[in-house]
């Protein structure tokens, strides 16, 4: 009789809490986290408490991922509108009362210092996925116009701060939702063609466009200088071009196998600026070489593809669009960071996921992973 009332084992009681974790996705994140800890130990061992802080930030992100994974996608959908409205309101508050550092007004003091633009990296795809879920089965052209307006408002406020890196990430997340919702290629192709034509013209006429005294519309001076420095970093090798040049030197000097763990001369002689944050990929490349880079790219590719697979198998429009947006966020983080360090994209403040130091970005990544885990869990519940 006592066996009938026997309490279930601890493992059985804990199992439902971990049922939302997608094994392949968790494995990819674990491998990237290990790479991040190794690289941070090497590049930041003489940089205060960067390694310990990075490990703490990873634990916080893991806890956030675990908590969000327990929240059903239906409850996430309920949070979409208030989270978006709060994020936009805080961006307006930043414009009016924000804290300015190094010429940028991106922070707000609400008892603690916060950067509201980070909220929109998650709130924007949530809001657009909610919008298209509500319009399911009756989508018309005006619905896409409304979606573009919902996206343009926070992106414009973030660019005004100015924060080009975050605005690009929010824009990419929002555009991916709009595209996955069914936007016609007839509308997508013309802007892509115009962009390619613009890049071609920029490369061909770079000496004239980047000459002293020439100002471009829609871009601030420092943004124009970043593009010109990308096209020819030797224009100012000890100034604006220093980051790109030293990054490329570090990547190239790593060779095929790399110089070895803790053996990066460019890193430890402090030739690489921001070696624990935006340019940590250069430090990683120097020590682990081409082989290490390929393994890192494979890990990121697997992470993105697994996120897309979760999105494709999601049970409804909201979860499919949201999962696809999370995949694009991870892709854009990795692609933009590696691209700017390698000298194929302008230098913007975008960290390398799980590798770069930064608490706010790590929290955003934890939220994104938790959302993907929640979607995976909802898929299993529907199938069962």
Protein backbone atom coordinates (compact mmCIF):
# COMPACT_ATOMS: atom_id res chain seq x y z
CA UNK A 1 0.00 0.00 0.00
CA UNK A 2 2.86 2.39 0.78
CA UNK A 3 4.18 2.03 -2.77
CA UNK A 4 0.92 3.54 -4.09
CA UNK A 5 1.60 6.78 -2.23
CA UNK A 6 5.35 6.76 -2.83
CA UNK A 7 6.61 10.17 -3.92
CA UNK A 8 8.15 10.34 -7.40
CA UNK A 9 11.92 10.56 -7.56
CA UNK A 10 13.67 13.93 -7.73
CA UNK A 11 14.70 13.25 -11.33
CA UNK A 12 11.10 12.59 -12.35
CA UNK A 13 9.91 15.77 -10.62
CA UNK A 14 12.59 17.87 -12.34
CA UNK A 15 12.11 16.34 -15.79
CA UNK A 16 9.14 18.60 -16.81
CA UNK A 17 11.26 21.68 -16.12
CA UNK A 18 13.83 20.57 -18.68
CA UNK A 19 11.40 19.21 -21.26
CA UNK A 20 11.52 22.51 -23.16
CA UNK A 21 15.21 22.21 -23.91
CA UNK A 22 16.03 21.29 -27.48
CA UNK A 23 19.09 19.00 -27.30
CA UNK A 24 20.86 20.00 -30.54
CA UNK A 25 20.34 23.71 -29.87
CA UNK A 26 21.61 23.36 -26.30
CA UNK A 27 24.68 21.48 -27.58
CA UNK A 28 25.54 24.26 -30.06
CA UNK A 29 25.20 26.89 -27.34
CA UNK A 30 27.37 24.84 -24.97
CA UNK A 31 30.16 24.57 -27.56
CA UNK A 32 30.04 28.31 -28.29
CA UNK A 33 30.04 29.08 -24.57
CA UNK A 34 33.16 26.94 -24.10
CA UNK A 35 34.86 28.77 -26.97
CA UNK A 36 33.85 32.07 -25.40
CA UNK A 37 35.27 31.16 -21.99
CA UNK A 38 38.57 29.98 -23.49
CA UNK A 39 38.95 33.11 -25.59
CA UNK A 40 37.98 35.44 -22.76
CA UNK A 41 40.46 33.78 -20.40
CA UNK A 42 43.25 34.35 -22.89
CA UNK A 43 42.36 37.84 -24.12
CA UNK A 44 41.17 39.16 -20.76
CA UNK A 45 43.44 37.50 -18.20
CA UNK A 46 45.28 40.81 -17.63
CA UNK A 47 42.13 42.90 -18.09
CA UNK A 48 40.74 43.04 -14.56
CA UNK A 49 37.93 40.59 -13.81
CA UNK A 50 36.70 40.19 -17.40
CA UNK A 51 36.85 36.36 -17.35
CA UNK A 52 34.96 36.03 -14.06
CA UNK A 53 32.39 38.61 -15.16
CA UNK A 54 31.95 36.87 -18.51
CA UNK A 55 31.33 33.55 -16.78
CA UNK A 56 28.83 35.23 -14.45
CA UNK A 57 27.03 36.82 -17.42
CA UNK A 58 26.79 33.40 -19.06
CA UNK A 59 25.23 31.94 -15.92
CA UNK A 60 22.71 34.80 -15.80
CA UNK A 61 21.88 34.26 -19.49
CA UNK A 62 21.48 30.54 -18.85
CA UNK A 63 19.11 31.21 -15.97
CA UNK A 64 17.07 33.61 -18.13
CA UNK A 65 16.95 31.01 -20.89
CA UNK A 66 15.72 28.39 -18.42
CA UNK A 67 12.98 30.66 -17.04
CA UNK A 68 11.75 31.88 -20.45
CA UNK A 69 11.70 28.29 -21.73
CA UNK A 70 8.97 27.57 -19.13
CA UNK A 71 6.73 30.35 -20.50
CA UNK A 72 4.30 29.19 -23.17
CA UNK A 73 4.32 31.00 -26.55
CA UNK A 74 0.71 32.06 -25.86
CA UNK A 75 1.86 34.03 -22.81
CA UNK A 76 4.75 35.47 -24.82
CA UNK A 77 2.21 36.71 -27.36
CA UNK A 78 0.29 38.48 -24.58
CA UNK A 79 3.50 40.33 -23.65
CA UNK A 80 4.17 41.54 -27.21
CA UNK A 81 2.18 44.80 -27.22
CA UNK A 82 3.06 46.02 -23.68
CA UNK A 83 6.75 45.17 -24.16
CA UNK A 84 6.87 46.99 -27.51
CA UNK A 85 5.02 50.02 -26.10
CA UNK A 86 7.32 50.13 -23.08
CA UNK A 87 10.41 49.90 -25.28
CA UNK A 88 9.28 52.75 -27.56
CA UNK A 89 8.30 54.89 -24.56
CA UNK A 90 11.76 54.37 -23.04
CA UNK A 91 13.39 55.28 -26.36
CA UNK A 92 11.43 58.55 -26.37
CA UNK A 93 12.54 59.12 -22.77
CA UNK A 94 16.15 58.56 -23.84
CA UNK A 95 15.73 61.26 -26.49
CA UNK A 96 14.40 63.68 -23.86
CA UNK A 97 16.29 62.76 -20.69
CA UNK A 98 18.99 60.30 -21.75
CA UNK A 99 22.58 60.07 -20.53
CA UNK A 100 25.21 61.07 -23.10
CA UNK A 101 28.56 59.33 -23.29
CA UNK A 102 31.15 59.80 -26.04
CA UNK A 103 28.69 61.79 -28.14
CA UNK A 104 25.91 59.18 -28.01
CA UNK A 105 22.70 59.38 -25.97
CA UNK A 106 21.74 55.74 -25.45
CA UNK A 107 21.22 55.26 -21.74
CA UNK A 108 18.54 56.11 -19.20
CA UNK A 109 18.71 56.34 -15.44
CA UNK A 110 15.66 54.66 -13.86
CA UNK A 111 17.37 53.91 -10.57
CA UNK A 112 19.83 51.82 -12.53
CA UNK A 113 21.42 52.66 -15.86
CA UNK A 114 19.66 50.83 -18.73
CA UNK A 115 19.97 50.83 -22.51
CA UNK A 116 16.35 50.67 -23.78
CA UNK A 117 17.33 49.91 -27.37
CA UNK A 118 18.31 46.40 -26.25
CA UNK A 119 14.67 45.71 -25.34
CA UNK A 120 13.63 46.24 -28.95
CA UNK A 121 15.84 43.41 -30.21
CA UNK A 122 13.27 41.06 -28.67
CA UNK A 123 10.20 43.31 -28.48
CA UNK A 124 10.26 44.18 -32.19
CA UNK A 125 9.97 40.62 -33.57
CA UNK A 126 7.47 39.80 -30.79
CA UNK A 127 5.28 42.72 -31.84
CA UNK A 128 5.40 41.98 -35.56
CA UNK A 129 4.79 38.26 -35.02
CA UNK A 130 1.75 39.19 -32.89
CA UNK A 131 0.51 41.53 -35.63
CA UNK A 132 0.73 38.92 -38.38
CA UNK A 133 -0.83 36.28 -36.12
CA UNK A 134 -3.84 38.58 -35.66
CA UNK A 135 -4.05 39.10 -39.43
CA UNK A 136 -3.72 35.40 -40.27
CA UNK A 137 -5.82 34.41 -43.27
CA UNK A 138 -6.67 38.00 -44.21
CA UNK A 139 -3.33 39.59 -44.98
CA UNK A 140 -3.47 42.54 -47.35
CA UNK A 141 -0.93 45.09 -48.57
CA UNK A 142 -1.95 47.66 -45.89
CA UNK A 143 -1.06 45.12 -43.20
CA UNK A 144 2.54 45.09 -44.43
CA UNK A 145 2.52 48.90 -44.49
CA UNK A 146 1.46 48.93 -40.81
CA UNK A 147 4.23 46.42 -40.02
CA UNK A 148 6.82 48.65 -41.72
CA UNK A 149 5.60 51.66 -39.71
CA UNK A 150 5.79 49.66 -36.46
CA UNK A 151 9.38 48.80 -37.38
CA UNK A 152 10.40 52.26 -38.60
CA UNK A 153 9.45 54.06 -35.36
CA UNK A 154 11.92 52.36 -32.98
CA UNK A 155 14.62 52.02 -35.65
CA UNK A 156 14.44 55.77 -36.31
CA UNK A 157 14.64 56.55 -32.57
CA UNK A 158 17.66 54.26 -32.15
CA UNK A 159 19.47 55.75 -35.14
CA UNK A 160 18.87 59.21 -33.66
CA UNK A 161 20.87 58.28 -30.51
CA UNK A 162 22.99 57.43 -32.68
CA UNK A 163 23.50 53.65 -32.47
CA UNK A 164 23.97 52.20 -35.93
CA UNK A 165 24.83 48.67 -34.74
CA UNK A 166 21.71 48.18 -32.60
CA UNK A 167 19.46 49.84 -35.18
CA UNK A 168 20.72 47.42 -37.84
CA UNK A 169 20.01 44.42 -35.57
CA UNK A 170 16.50 45.63 -34.75
CA UNK A 171 15.90 46.38 -38.44
CA UNK A 172 17.12 42.93 -39.49
CA UNK A 173 14.94 41.20 -36.87
CA UNK A 174 11.87 43.15 -37.97
CA UNK A 175 12.46 42.73 -41.70
CA UNK A 176 12.93 38.99 -41.26
CA UNK A 177 9.46 38.73 -39.66
CA UNK A 178 7.91 40.78 -42.47
CA UNK A 179 9.64 38.64 -45.10
CA UNK A 180 8.71 35.33 -43.46
CA UNK A 181 5.11 36.57 -43.18
CA UNK A 182 4.84 36.39 -46.96
CA UNK A 183 6.26 39.60 -48.41
CA UNK A 184 6.56 39.19 -52.18
CA UNK A 185 9.99 38.92 -53.80
CA UNK A 186 8.76 41.59 -56.23
CA UNK A 187 8.99 44.04 -53.35
CA UNK A 188 12.20 42.61 -51.90
CA UNK A 189 14.25 42.50 -55.11
CA UNK A 190 14.25 46.23 -56.06
CA UNK A 191 15.81 47.45 -52.76
CA UNK A 192 18.43 44.69 -53.00
CA UNK A 193 19.31 45.70 -56.57
CA UNK A 194 19.53 49.37 -55.56
CA UNK A 195 21.76 48.45 -52.61
CA UNK A 196 24.12 46.46 -54.85
CA UNK A 197 24.24 49.34 -57.32
CA UNK A 198 24.99 51.76 -54.50
CA UNK A 199 27.83 49.58 -53.15
CA UNK A 200 29.29 49.26 -56.66
CA UNK A 201 29.18 53.03 -57.19
CA UNK A 202 30.75 53.57 -53.77
CA UNK A 203 33.67 51.25 -54.56
CA UNK A 204 34.23 52.73 -58.03
CA UNK A 205 34.06 56.38 -56.97
CA UNK A 206 35.58 55.96 -53.50
CA UNK A 207 38.39 58.57 -53.98
CA UNK A 208 35.90 61.28 -54.94
CA UNK A 209 33.19 60.35 -52.42
CA UNK A 210 35.65 60.08 -49.51
CA UNK A 211 37.60 63.22 -50.31
CA UNK A 212 37.90 65.90 -47.63
CA UNK A 213 34.92 68.22 -47.50
CA UNK A 214 32.47 65.79 -49.10
CA UNK A 215 29.42 65.10 -46.92
CA UNK A 216 26.86 62.35 -47.51
CA UNK A 217 23.17 62.84 -46.81
CA UNK A 218 21.44 60.75 -44.10
CA UNK A 219 24.75 59.77 -42.46
CA UNK A 220 26.63 61.47 -39.66
CA UNK A 221 30.30 62.31 -40.18
CA UNK A 222 31.58 59.43 -38.05
CA UNK A 223 29.36 56.96 -39.95
CA UNK A 224 30.66 58.27 -43.28
CA UNK A 225 34.23 57.92 -41.99
CA UNK A 226 33.59 54.30 -41.01
CA UNK A 227 32.48 53.44 -44.55
CA UNK A 228 35.44 55.28 -46.11
CA UNK A 229 37.82 53.60 -43.66
CA UNK A 230 36.39 50.22 -44.63
CA UNK A 231 37.09 50.92 -48.31
CA UNK A 232 40.65 52.07 -47.61
CA UNK A 233 41.88 51.66 -44.01
CA UNK A 234 45.35 52.85 -45.00
CA UNK A 235 43.96 56.39 -45.36
CA UNK A 236 44.50 56.77 -41.61
CA UNK A 237 46.48 53.71 -40.43
CA UNK A 238 47.22 55.06 -36.95
CA UNK A 239 43.78 56.58 -36.42
CA UNK A 240 40.42 55.50 -37.81
CA UNK A 241 41.91 52.60 -39.80
CA UNK A 242 43.88 51.18 -36.87
CA UNK A 243 41.14 48.81 -35.67
CA UNK A 244 40.58 47.20 -39.07
CA UNK A 245 44.28 46.92 -39.93
CA UNK A 246 45.23 45.32 -36.61
CA UNK A 247 42.25 42.98 -36.78
CA UNK A 248 43.26 41.74 -40.23
CA UNK A 249 46.89 41.36 -39.15
CA UNK A 250 45.84 39.23 -36.16
CA UNK A 251 43.55 37.05 -38.29
CA UNK A 252 46.23 36.55 -40.94
CA UNK A 253 49.03 35.89 -38.46
CA UNK A 254 47.06 32.99 -36.97
CA UNK A 255 47.73 30.96 -40.11
CA UNK A 256 46.20 27.51 -40.51
CA UNK A 257 46.50 26.10 -36.97
CA UNK A 258 46.88 29.33 -34.97
CA UNK A 259 49.63 30.38 -32.58
CA UNK A 260 48.14 28.42 -29.70
CA UNK A 261 46.16 29.16 -26.57
CA UNK A 262 47.58 32.18 -24.68
CA UNK A 263 50.23 32.64 -27.39
CA UNK A 264 48.69 35.47 -29.44
CA UNK A 265 51.28 38.24 -29.74
CA UNK A 266 48.95 40.81 -31.33
CA UNK A 267 46.50 40.15 -28.51
CA UNK A 268 48.82 40.17 -25.52
CA UNK A 269 51.00 43.03 -26.76
CA UNK A 270 47.73 45.01 -26.93
CA UNK A 271 47.79 45.78 -30.65
CA UNK A 272 44.14 44.69 -30.94
CA UNK A 273 41.81 47.40 -29.62
CA UNK A 274 38.72 46.19 -27.75
CA UNK A 275 40.18 42.68 -27.70
CA UNK A 276 37.61 41.42 -25.17
CA UNK A 277 34.55 43.02 -26.77
CA UNK A 278 33.93 43.94 -30.41
CA UNK A 279 37.28 42.67 -31.75
CA UNK A 280 37.54 39.44 -29.78
CA UNK A 281 37.19 37.47 -33.02
CA UNK A 282 40.63 38.76 -34.03
CA UNK A 283 42.10 37.46 -30.76
CA UNK A 284 40.37 34.10 -31.27
CA UNK A 285 41.60 33.85 -34.88
CA UNK A 286 45.19 34.59 -33.92
CA UNK A 287 45.33 31.80 -31.37
CA UNK A 288 43.18 29.15 -33.09
CA UNK A 289 43.82 29.91 -36.76
CA UNK A 290 41.79 28.97 -39.81
CA UNK A 291 40.81 25.61 -38.32
CA UNK A 292 39.41 27.29 -35.22
CA UNK A 293 37.55 29.83 -37.36
CA UNK A 294 35.96 27.10 -39.45
CA UNK A 295 34.83 25.25 -36.33
CA UNK A 296 33.38 28.47 -34.90
CA UNK A 297 31.54 29.23 -38.15
CA UNK A 298 30.18 25.67 -38.25
CA UNK A 299 28.92 26.05 -34.67
CA UNK A 300 27.16 29.33 -35.48
CA UNK A 301 25.74 27.88 -38.72
CA UNK A 302 24.40 24.87 -36.81
CA UNK A 303 22.85 27.18 -34.20
CA UNK A 304 21.09 29.26 -36.87
CA UNK A 305 19.93 26.24 -38.89
CA UNK A 306 18.61 24.53 -35.78
CA UNK A 307 16.71 27.69 -34.84
CA UNK A 308 15.21 27.80 -38.35
CA UNK A 309 14.25 24.12 -38.06
CA UNK A 310 12.45 24.86 -34.77
CA UNK A 311 10.65 27.76 -36.49
CA UNK A 312 9.59 25.61 -39.45
CA UNK A 313 8.10 22.97 -37.13
CA UNK A 314 6.34 25.52 -34.90
CA UNK A 315 2.57 25.03 -34.43
CA UNK A 316 1.26 28.47 -35.49
CA UNK A 317 2.07 31.69 -37.34
CA UNK A 318 3.23 33.56 -34.24
CA UNK A 319 5.77 30.94 -33.19
CA UNK A 320 7.01 30.37 -36.75
CA UNK A 321 7.66 34.06 -37.34
CA UNK A 322 9.17 34.58 -33.90
CA UNK A 323 11.46 31.55 -34.23
CA UNK A 324 12.61 32.71 -37.66
CA UNK A 325 13.37 36.17 -36.28
CA UNK A 326 15.44 34.70 -33.42
CA UNK A 327 17.45 32.71 -35.98
CA UNK A 328 18.12 35.89 -37.98
CA UNK A 329 19.19 37.77 -34.84
CA UNK A 330 21.87 35.17 -34.11
CA UNK A 331 22.94 35.17 -37.77
CA UNK A 332 23.21 38.96 -37.91
CA UNK A 333 25.16 39.15 -34.63
CA UNK A 334 27.75 36.64 -35.88
CA UNK A 335 27.92 37.79 -39.51
CA UNK A 336 28.22 41.51 -38.74
CA UNK A 337 30.86 41.02 -36.01
CA UNK A 338 33.02 38.65 -38.05
CA UNK A 339 32.55 40.83 -41.11
CA UNK A 340 33.64 44.06 -39.43
CA UNK A 341 36.69 42.44 -37.80
CA UNK A 342 37.67 40.85 -41.11
CA UNK A 343 37.40 44.16 -42.96
CA UNK A 344 34.40 43.40 -45.18
CA UNK A 345 31.85 45.46 -43.21
CA UNK A 346 32.08 48.85 -41.45
CA UNK A 347 32.99 48.82 -37.78
CA UNK A 348 29.82 48.97 -35.67
CA UNK A 349 29.19 48.06 -32.05
CA UNK A 350 27.94 44.49 -32.50
CA UNK A 351 29.33 41.76 -30.19
CA UNK A 352 30.08 38.16 -31.19
CA UNK A 353 27.44 35.97 -29.47
CA UNK A 354 28.72 34.09 -26.39
CA UNK A 355 32.30 35.15 -27.18
CA UNK A 356 32.39 38.93 -26.63
CA UNK A 357 32.24 40.49 -23.19
CA UNK A 358 29.01 42.31 -22.35
CA UNK A 359 26.21 41.75 -19.89
CA UNK A 360 23.34 43.42 -21.77
CA UNK A 361 23.98 41.52 -24.99
CA UNK A 362 24.27 38.26 -23.06
CA UNK A 363 20.87 38.85 -21.47
CA UNK A 364 19.38 39.46 -24.94
CA UNK A 365 20.91 36.21 -26.18
CA UNK A 366 19.51 34.34 -23.18
CA UNK A 367 16.04 35.72 -23.91
CA UNK A 368 16.31 34.68 -27.56
CA UNK A 369 17.41 31.17 -26.67
CA UNK A 370 14.65 30.87 -24.09
CA UNK A 371 12.06 31.84 -26.71
CA UNK A 372 13.41 29.18 -29.07
CA UNK A 373 13.29 26.58 -26.29
CA UNK A 374 9.71 27.60 -25.48
CA UNK A 375 8.71 27.19 -29.14
CA UNK A 376 10.37 23.76 -29.25
CA UNK A 377 8.51 22.76 -26.10
CA UNK A 378 5.16 23.90 -27.52
CA UNK A 379 5.82 21.81 -30.65
CA UNK A 380 6.34 18.69 -28.54
CA UNK A 381 3.17 19.37 -26.53
CA UNK A 382 1.13 19.72 -29.73
CA UNK A 383 2.60 16.50 -31.15
CA UNK A 384 1.87 14.59 -27.95
